[in-house]
């Protein structure tokens, strides 16, 4: 689930990674961009046809749809209650919740998440590009599923 994403190239990249890791559905909540735009397509490179997605006007509607599909919500955010993603036991089925490029997840989104994870970083930079962070989180979710 993407909340308020603003960059079309980031969305395209996330779609491409989601197709590579066989993500079942992508919930787009309160998006600032058109997922069918040419700029999204430039980085998705056709992979968007392999990932079903729906657009929701607000986060609450996207949350309702994900929960109706039986998913637990796991936020990806550096927050007080967050656990390192590799230490977390990720539920199945689950829906990763990823926020805006600059602002991250809203307080309302964090409050709706069943758990929150973060990506530990060793360098001097405190954050990653949202598409890169989403890719790492999708990989870890699949890795855990492979070893379970």
N, C-alpha and C. Protein backbone atom coordinates (compact mmCIF):
# COMPACT_ATOMS: atom_id res chain seq x y z
N UNK A 1 0.85 -1.17 0.00
CA UNK A 1 0.00 0.00 0.00
C UNK A 1 0.89 1.23 0.00
N UNK A 2 0.60 2.15 -0.89
CA UNK A 2 1.35 3.39 -0.96
C UNK A 2 0.45 4.53 -0.54
N UNK A 3 0.89 5.31 0.42
CA UNK A 3 0.10 6.44 0.91
C UNK A 3 0.70 7.75 0.42
N UNK A 4 -0.02 8.44 -0.45
CA UNK A 4 0.34 9.78 -0.86
C UNK A 4 1.61 9.92 -1.67
N UNK A 5 2.04 8.87 -2.32
CA UNK A 5 3.27 8.94 -3.12
C UNK A 5 3.15 10.04 -4.16
N UNK A 6 4.23 10.78 -4.38
CA UNK A 6 4.18 11.91 -5.30
C UNK A 6 5.01 11.77 -6.56
N UNK A 7 5.95 10.84 -6.59
CA UNK A 7 6.86 10.73 -7.72
C UNK A 7 6.49 9.62 -8.69
N UNK A 8 6.21 9.95 -9.94
CA UNK A 8 5.83 8.92 -10.90
C UNK A 8 6.94 7.89 -11.15
N UNK A 9 8.19 8.31 -11.13
CA UNK A 9 9.28 7.36 -11.35
C UNK A 9 9.40 6.40 -10.17
N UNK A 10 9.14 6.89 -8.97
CA UNK A 10 9.15 6.01 -7.80
C UNK A 10 8.03 4.98 -7.90
N UNK A 11 6.85 5.41 -8.30
CA UNK A 11 5.74 4.47 -8.45
C UNK A 11 6.06 3.42 -9.51
N UNK A 12 6.62 3.84 -10.63
CA UNK A 12 6.99 2.89 -11.67
C UNK A 12 8.00 1.87 -11.19
N UNK A 13 8.98 2.34 -10.44
CA UNK A 13 10.00 1.45 -9.90
C UNK A 13 9.40 0.47 -8.89
N UNK A 14 8.50 0.95 -8.05
CA UNK A 14 7.85 0.09 -7.08
C UNK A 14 6.99 -0.95 -7.79
N UNK A 15 6.29 -0.55 -8.83
CA UNK A 15 5.49 -1.51 -9.61
C UNK A 15 6.38 -2.60 -10.20
N UNK A 16 7.53 -2.20 -10.71
CA UNK A 16 8.44 -3.18 -11.32
C UNK A 16 8.95 -4.18 -10.28
N UNK A 17 9.34 -3.69 -9.12
CA UNK A 17 9.79 -4.58 -8.05
C UNK A 17 8.64 -5.45 -7.55
N UNK A 18 7.45 -4.86 -7.43
CA UNK A 18 6.29 -5.63 -6.99
C UNK A 18 5.99 -6.79 -7.94
N UNK A 19 6.16 -6.57 -9.22
CA UNK A 19 5.96 -7.65 -10.20
C UNK A 19 7.03 -8.72 -10.03
N UNK A 20 8.26 -8.30 -9.75
CA UNK A 20 9.36 -9.25 -9.58
C UNK A 20 9.15 -10.14 -8.36
N UNK A 21 8.53 -9.60 -7.31
CA UNK A 21 8.32 -10.37 -6.08
C UNK A 21 6.89 -10.88 -5.95
N UNK A 22 6.16 -10.88 -7.05
CA UNK A 22 4.81 -11.41 -7.13
C UNK A 22 3.88 -10.83 -6.04
N UNK A 23 3.88 -9.53 -5.91
CA UNK A 23 2.95 -8.85 -5.01
C UNK A 23 1.54 -9.08 -5.54
N UNK A 24 0.64 -9.46 -4.67
CA UNK A 24 -0.72 -9.81 -5.08
C UNK A 24 -1.56 -8.61 -5.49
N UNK A 25 -1.37 -7.49 -4.78
CA UNK A 25 -2.19 -6.31 -5.05
C UNK A 25 -1.48 -5.08 -4.51
N UNK A 26 -1.61 -3.98 -5.22
CA UNK A 26 -1.04 -2.71 -4.77
C UNK A 26 -2.19 -1.74 -4.54
N UNK A 27 -2.31 -1.29 -3.29
CA UNK A 27 -3.34 -0.32 -2.92
C UNK A 27 -2.71 1.06 -2.99
N UNK A 28 -3.27 1.94 -3.79
CA UNK A 28 -2.74 3.29 -3.95
C UNK A 28 -3.69 4.24 -3.24
N UNK A 29 -3.24 4.83 -2.14
CA UNK A 29 -4.09 5.66 -1.30
C UNK A 29 -3.68 7.12 -1.38
N UNK A 30 -4.64 7.98 -1.63
CA UNK A 30 -4.41 9.43 -1.64
C UNK A 30 -3.21 9.81 -2.51
N UNK A 31 -3.15 9.22 -3.68
CA UNK A 31 -2.00 9.43 -4.57
C UNK A 31 -2.01 10.83 -5.17
N UNK A 32 -0.84 11.37 -5.39
CA UNK A 32 -0.68 12.68 -6.01
C UNK A 32 -0.37 12.55 -7.50
N UNK A 33 -0.31 11.33 -7.99
CA UNK A 33 0.04 11.08 -9.38
C UNK A 33 -0.93 10.09 -10.01
N UNK A 34 -0.98 10.12 -11.32
CA UNK A 34 -1.81 9.20 -12.09
C UNK A 34 -0.99 7.94 -12.38
N UNK A 35 -1.40 6.78 -11.87
CA UNK A 35 -0.61 5.57 -12.09
C UNK A 35 -0.54 5.13 -13.55
N UNK A 36 -1.37 5.70 -14.41
CA UNK A 36 -1.33 5.35 -15.83
C UNK A 36 -0.52 6.35 -16.65
N UNK A 37 0.16 7.27 -15.99
CA UNK A 37 0.90 8.30 -16.72
C UNK A 37 2.12 7.71 -17.43
N UNK A 38 2.56 8.41 -18.45
CA UNK A 38 3.73 8.00 -19.22
C UNK A 38 4.97 7.89 -18.34
N UNK A 39 5.13 8.81 -17.40
CA UNK A 39 6.32 8.78 -16.55
C UNK A 39 6.35 7.56 -15.63
N UNK A 40 5.20 7.10 -15.17
CA UNK A 40 5.15 5.87 -14.39
C UNK A 40 5.57 4.71 -15.29
N UNK A 41 5.04 4.69 -16.49
CA UNK A 41 5.34 3.63 -17.44
C UNK A 41 6.80 3.55 -17.83
N UNK A 42 7.50 4.68 -17.81
CA UNK A 42 8.92 4.69 -18.18
C UNK A 42 9.76 3.82 -17.26
N UNK A 43 9.44 3.81 -15.98
CA UNK A 43 10.22 2.97 -15.06
C UNK A 43 9.55 1.63 -14.79
N UNK A 44 8.24 1.54 -14.97
CA UNK A 44 7.55 0.26 -14.77
C UNK A 44 7.90 -0.71 -15.91
N UNK A 45 8.18 -0.19 -17.08
CA UNK A 45 8.55 -0.99 -18.25
C UNK A 45 7.59 -2.16 -18.51
N UNK A 46 6.30 -1.89 -18.39
CA UNK A 46 5.29 -2.90 -18.68
C UNK A 46 4.98 -3.83 -17.53
N UNK A 47 5.74 -3.74 -16.46
CA UNK A 47 5.52 -4.65 -15.34
C UNK A 47 4.20 -4.36 -14.62
N UNK A 48 3.64 -3.18 -14.81
CA UNK A 48 2.39 -2.82 -14.16
C UNK A 48 1.25 -3.75 -14.58
N UNK A 49 1.36 -4.41 -15.71
CA UNK A 49 0.31 -5.32 -16.14
C UNK A 49 0.30 -6.62 -15.32
N UNK A 50 1.36 -6.86 -14.53
CA UNK A 50 1.45 -8.07 -13.73
C UNK A 50 1.05 -7.85 -12.27
N UNK A 51 0.78 -6.61 -11.89
CA UNK A 51 0.42 -6.30 -10.50
C UNK A 51 -0.94 -5.60 -10.49
N UNK A 52 -1.97 -6.29 -10.03
CA UNK A 52 -3.26 -5.61 -9.92
C UNK A 52 -3.17 -4.46 -8.93
N UNK A 53 -3.79 -3.35 -9.24
CA UNK A 53 -3.76 -2.20 -8.33
C UNK A 53 -5.10 -1.51 -8.35
N UNK A 54 -5.38 -0.84 -7.24
CA UNK A 54 -6.59 -0.02 -7.14
C UNK A 54 -6.22 1.32 -6.53
N UNK A 55 -6.94 2.33 -6.96
CA UNK A 55 -6.75 3.69 -6.43
C UNK A 55 -7.86 3.96 -5.43
N UNK A 56 -7.48 4.48 -4.26
CA UNK A 56 -8.44 4.83 -3.21
C UNK A 56 -8.26 6.30 -2.88
N UNK A 57 -9.38 7.00 -2.72
CA UNK A 57 -9.33 8.44 -2.46
C UNK A 57 -8.58 8.79 -1.18
N UNK A 58 -8.70 7.93 -0.19
CA UNK A 58 -8.02 8.20 1.07
C UNK A 58 -7.48 6.91 1.68
N UNK A 59 -6.68 7.08 2.69
CA UNK A 59 -6.03 5.95 3.32
C UNK A 59 -7.03 5.01 3.99
N UNK A 60 -8.07 5.56 4.58
CA UNK A 60 -9.06 4.73 5.28
C UNK A 60 -9.72 3.74 4.33
N UNK A 61 -10.03 4.17 3.13
CA UNK A 61 -10.66 3.28 2.15
C UNK A 61 -9.69 2.19 1.69
N UNK A 62 -8.43 2.55 1.52
CA UNK A 62 -7.42 1.56 1.14
C UNK A 62 -7.22 0.55 2.25
N UNK A 63 -7.19 1.02 3.49
CA UNK A 63 -7.05 0.14 4.65
C UNK A 63 -8.22 -0.84 4.72
N UNK A 64 -9.41 -0.33 4.52
CA UNK A 64 -10.61 -1.16 4.56
C UNK A 64 -10.51 -2.27 3.50
N UNK A 65 -10.06 -1.93 2.31
CA UNK A 65 -9.94 -2.91 1.23
C UNK A 65 -8.88 -3.96 1.55
N UNK A 66 -7.75 -3.54 2.08
CA UNK A 66 -6.67 -4.48 2.42
C UNK A 66 -7.10 -5.41 3.55
N UNK A 67 -7.76 -4.87 4.54
CA UNK A 67 -8.22 -5.71 5.66
C UNK A 67 -9.32 -6.68 5.18
N UNK A 68 -10.19 -6.22 4.29
CA UNK A 68 -11.24 -7.10 3.76
C UNK A 68 -10.62 -8.27 2.98
N UNK A 69 -9.44 -8.06 2.43
CA UNK A 69 -8.73 -9.13 1.72
C UNK A 69 -7.94 -10.02 2.69
N UNK A 70 -8.02 -9.72 3.99
CA UNK A 70 -7.40 -10.56 5.00
C UNK A 70 -5.98 -10.20 5.37
N UNK A 71 -5.51 -9.01 4.97
CA UNK A 71 -4.13 -8.62 5.22
C UNK A 71 -3.93 -7.87 6.53
N UNK A 72 -2.86 -8.18 7.22
CA UNK A 72 -2.38 -7.36 8.34
C UNK A 72 -1.61 -6.20 7.73
N UNK A 73 -1.63 -5.06 8.38
CA UNK A 73 -0.92 -3.88 7.87
C UNK A 73 0.39 -3.71 8.63
N UNK A 74 1.49 -3.67 7.88
CA UNK A 74 2.82 -3.49 8.45
C UNK A 74 3.42 -2.23 7.84
N UNK A 75 3.55 -1.20 8.67
CA UNK A 75 4.10 0.06 8.20
C UNK A 75 5.62 -0.01 8.08
N UNK A 76 6.15 0.69 7.11
CA UNK A 76 7.59 0.82 6.93
C UNK A 76 7.94 2.27 7.26
N UNK A 77 8.49 2.47 8.46
CA UNK A 77 8.74 3.84 8.93
C UNK A 77 9.70 3.80 10.10
N UNK A 78 10.54 4.78 10.19
CA UNK A 78 11.41 4.92 11.35
C UNK A 78 10.59 5.64 12.42
N UNK A 79 10.02 4.85 13.32
CA UNK A 79 9.13 5.39 14.36
C UNK A 79 9.49 4.75 15.69
N UNK A 80 9.02 5.33 16.77
CA UNK A 80 9.35 4.84 18.12
C UNK A 80 9.06 3.36 18.31
N UNK A 81 7.92 2.90 17.83
CA UNK A 81 7.53 1.51 18.05
C UNK A 81 8.07 0.55 16.99
N UNK A 82 8.83 1.03 16.04
CA UNK A 82 9.31 0.21 14.92
C UNK A 82 10.38 -0.78 15.36
N UNK A 83 10.37 -1.95 14.70
CA UNK A 83 11.32 -3.02 14.91
C UNK A 83 12.12 -3.19 13.62
N UNK A 84 13.38 -3.50 13.73
CA UNK A 84 14.18 -3.77 12.53
C UNK A 84 13.49 -4.86 11.71
N UNK A 85 13.36 -4.65 10.42
CA UNK A 85 12.58 -5.57 9.59
C UNK A 85 13.10 -6.99 9.65
N UNK A 86 14.40 -7.17 9.76
CA UNK A 86 14.94 -8.53 9.80
C UNK A 86 14.71 -9.21 11.16
N UNK A 87 14.37 -8.44 12.19
CA UNK A 87 14.05 -9.01 13.50
C UNK A 87 12.55 -9.26 13.67
N UNK A 88 11.76 -8.65 12.83
CA UNK A 88 10.31 -8.80 12.93
C UNK A 88 9.87 -10.12 12.31
N UNK A 89 8.88 -10.72 12.90
CA UNK A 89 8.24 -11.88 12.28
C UNK A 89 7.05 -11.31 11.51
N UNK A 90 7.21 -11.23 10.22
CA UNK A 90 6.19 -10.60 9.38
C UNK A 90 5.01 -11.55 9.21
N UNK A 91 3.80 -11.04 9.43
CA UNK A 91 2.61 -11.90 9.32
C UNK A 91 2.30 -12.24 7.87
N UNK A 92 1.57 -13.32 7.68
CA UNK A 92 1.07 -13.65 6.35
C UNK A 92 -0.41 -13.94 6.46
N UNK A 93 -1.21 -13.40 5.58
CA UNK A 93 -0.82 -12.43 4.57
C UNK A 93 -0.66 -11.04 5.19
N UNK A 94 0.16 -10.25 4.55
CA UNK A 94 0.38 -8.89 5.05
C UNK A 94 0.42 -7.90 3.91
N UNK A 95 0.25 -6.67 4.27
CA UNK A 95 0.31 -5.56 3.33
C UNK A 95 1.31 -4.56 3.89
N UNK A 96 2.42 -4.36 3.18
CA UNK A 96 3.37 -3.33 3.58
C UNK A 96 2.76 -1.96 3.30
N UNK A 97 2.90 -1.05 4.22
CA UNK A 97 2.35 0.29 4.07
C UNK A 97 3.52 1.26 4.01
N UNK A 98 3.63 1.96 2.88
CA UNK A 98 4.78 2.82 2.61
C UNK A 98 4.27 4.23 2.31
N UNK A 99 4.93 5.22 2.88
CA UNK A 99 4.45 6.59 2.77
C UNK A 99 5.12 7.44 1.72
N UNK A 100 4.83 8.72 1.80
CA UNK A 100 5.31 9.74 0.88
C UNK A 100 6.84 9.83 0.91
N UNK A 101 7.40 10.24 -0.19
CA UNK A 101 8.85 10.31 -0.35
C UNK A 101 9.55 11.15 0.73
N UNK A 102 8.98 12.28 1.08
CA UNK A 102 9.61 13.17 2.06
C UNK A 102 9.02 13.05 3.46
N UNK A 103 7.71 12.91 3.54
CA UNK A 103 7.02 12.93 4.83
C UNK A 103 6.83 11.55 5.45
N UNK A 104 7.01 10.49 4.68
CA UNK A 104 6.78 9.15 5.20
C UNK A 104 5.30 8.89 5.43
N UNK A 105 5.00 8.02 6.37
CA UNK A 105 3.61 7.70 6.68
C UNK A 105 3.00 8.78 7.57
N UNK A 106 1.75 9.06 7.32
CA UNK A 106 1.03 10.02 8.16
C UNK A 106 0.78 9.40 9.54
N UNK A 107 0.47 10.24 10.51
CA UNK A 107 0.15 9.75 11.86
C UNK A 107 -1.07 8.84 11.82
N UNK A 108 -2.03 9.18 10.98
CA UNK A 108 -3.23 8.35 10.86
C UNK A 108 -2.89 6.98 10.30
N UNK A 109 -2.01 6.93 9.32
CA UNK A 109 -1.59 5.65 8.73
C UNK A 109 -0.84 4.81 9.76
N UNK A 110 0.09 5.44 10.49
CA UNK A 110 0.84 4.71 11.52
C UNK A 110 -0.10 4.12 12.57
N UNK A 111 -1.12 4.87 12.93
CA UNK A 111 -2.07 4.40 13.94
C UNK A 111 -2.87 3.19 13.46
N UNK A 112 -3.07 3.07 12.16
CA UNK A 112 -3.82 1.95 11.59
C UNK A 112 -2.99 0.69 11.41
N UNK A 113 -1.68 0.82 11.44
CA UNK A 113 -0.81 -0.34 11.20
C UNK A 113 -0.82 -1.29 12.40
N UNK A 114 -0.81 -2.57 12.11
CA UNK A 114 -0.75 -3.59 13.16
C UNK A 114 0.64 -3.67 13.76
N UNK A 115 1.64 -3.36 12.97
CA UNK A 115 3.03 -3.30 13.43
C UNK A 115 3.80 -2.36 12.51
N UNK A 116 4.98 -1.96 12.97
CA UNK A 116 5.81 -1.04 12.18
C UNK A 116 7.24 -1.57 12.18
N UNK A 117 7.86 -1.55 11.01
CA UNK A 117 9.24 -2.00 10.86
C UNK A 117 10.07 -0.87 10.24
N UNK A 118 11.39 -0.99 10.40
CA UNK A 118 12.28 -0.03 9.74
C UNK A 118 13.45 -0.78 9.14
N UNK A 119 14.16 -0.11 8.25
CA UNK A 119 15.35 -0.67 7.61
C UNK A 119 16.58 -0.12 8.31
N UNK A 120 17.33 -0.96 9.03
CA UNK A 120 18.54 -0.47 9.69
C UNK A 120 19.55 0.02 8.64
N UNK A 121 20.22 1.11 8.97
CA UNK A 121 21.23 1.67 8.06
C UNK A 121 22.50 1.94 8.84
N UNK A 122 23.61 1.67 8.19
CA UNK A 122 24.90 1.79 8.86
C UNK A 122 25.62 3.10 8.56
N UNK A 123 25.29 3.73 7.48
CA UNK A 123 26.01 4.92 7.05
C UNK A 123 25.50 6.19 7.70
N UNK A 124 25.93 7.30 7.16
CA UNK A 124 25.58 8.61 7.71
C UNK A 124 24.27 9.16 7.17
N UNK A 125 23.71 8.49 6.18
CA UNK A 125 22.44 8.94 5.61
C UNK A 125 21.32 8.23 6.36
N UNK A 126 20.32 8.99 6.77
CA UNK A 126 19.26 8.43 7.61
C UNK A 126 18.06 7.90 6.88
N UNK A 127 18.03 8.05 5.55
CA UNK A 127 16.87 7.54 4.82
C UNK A 127 17.28 7.11 3.42
N UNK A 128 16.41 6.32 2.81
CA UNK A 128 16.62 5.85 1.45
C UNK A 128 15.53 6.40 0.55
N UNK A 129 15.76 6.36 -0.74
CA UNK A 129 14.71 6.66 -1.71
C UNK A 129 13.55 5.69 -1.45
N UNK A 130 12.33 6.15 -1.58
CA UNK A 130 11.16 5.34 -1.25
C UNK A 130 11.09 4.07 -2.09
N UNK A 131 11.46 4.14 -3.35
CA UNK A 131 11.42 2.94 -4.19
C UNK A 131 12.49 1.94 -3.74
N UNK A 132 13.64 2.43 -3.35
CA UNK A 132 14.70 1.55 -2.85
C UNK A 132 14.26 0.90 -1.54
N UNK A 133 13.70 1.69 -0.64
CA UNK A 133 13.24 1.14 0.64
C UNK A 133 12.13 0.11 0.42
N UNK A 134 11.20 0.40 -0.48
CA UNK A 134 10.13 -0.54 -0.78
C UNK A 134 10.70 -1.84 -1.33
N UNK A 135 11.71 -1.75 -2.18
CA UNK A 135 12.33 -2.95 -2.76
C UNK A 135 12.97 -3.82 -1.68
N UNK A 136 13.70 -3.20 -0.78
CA UNK A 136 14.34 -3.96 0.30
C UNK A 136 13.29 -4.62 1.18
N UNK A 137 12.23 -3.90 1.50
CA UNK A 137 11.18 -4.44 2.36
C UNK A 137 10.44 -5.59 1.66
N UNK A 138 10.16 -5.46 0.36
CA UNK A 138 9.51 -6.54 -0.37
C UNK A 138 10.41 -7.78 -0.40
N UNK A 139 11.70 -7.55 -0.61
CA UNK A 139 12.63 -8.67 -0.62
C UNK A 139 12.61 -9.39 0.73
N UNK A 140 12.70 -8.65 1.82
CA UNK A 140 12.74 -9.27 3.14
C UNK A 140 11.44 -10.02 3.43
N UNK A 141 10.31 -9.48 3.01
CA UNK A 141 9.04 -10.18 3.23
C UNK A 141 9.04 -11.51 2.47
N UNK A 142 9.50 -11.52 1.25
CA UNK A 142 9.56 -12.78 0.48
C UNK A 142 10.62 -13.72 1.05
N UNK A 143 11.74 -13.18 1.51
CA UNK A 143 12.80 -14.02 2.08
C UNK A 143 12.25 -14.77 3.29
N UNK A 144 11.53 -14.05 4.14
CA UNK A 144 10.95 -14.70 5.32
C UNK A 144 9.95 -15.77 4.91
N UNK A 145 9.18 -15.52 3.89
CA UNK A 145 8.20 -16.50 3.43
C UNK A 145 8.89 -17.73 2.86
N UNK A 146 10.04 -17.54 2.20
CA UNK A 146 10.78 -18.67 1.61
C UNK A 146 11.35 -19.57 2.70
N UNK A 147 11.78 -18.97 3.81
CA UNK A 147 12.44 -19.75 4.85
C UNK A 147 11.48 -20.27 5.91
N UNK A 148 10.22 -19.86 5.83
CA UNK A 148 9.24 -20.29 6.85
C UNK A 148 8.83 -21.73 6.64
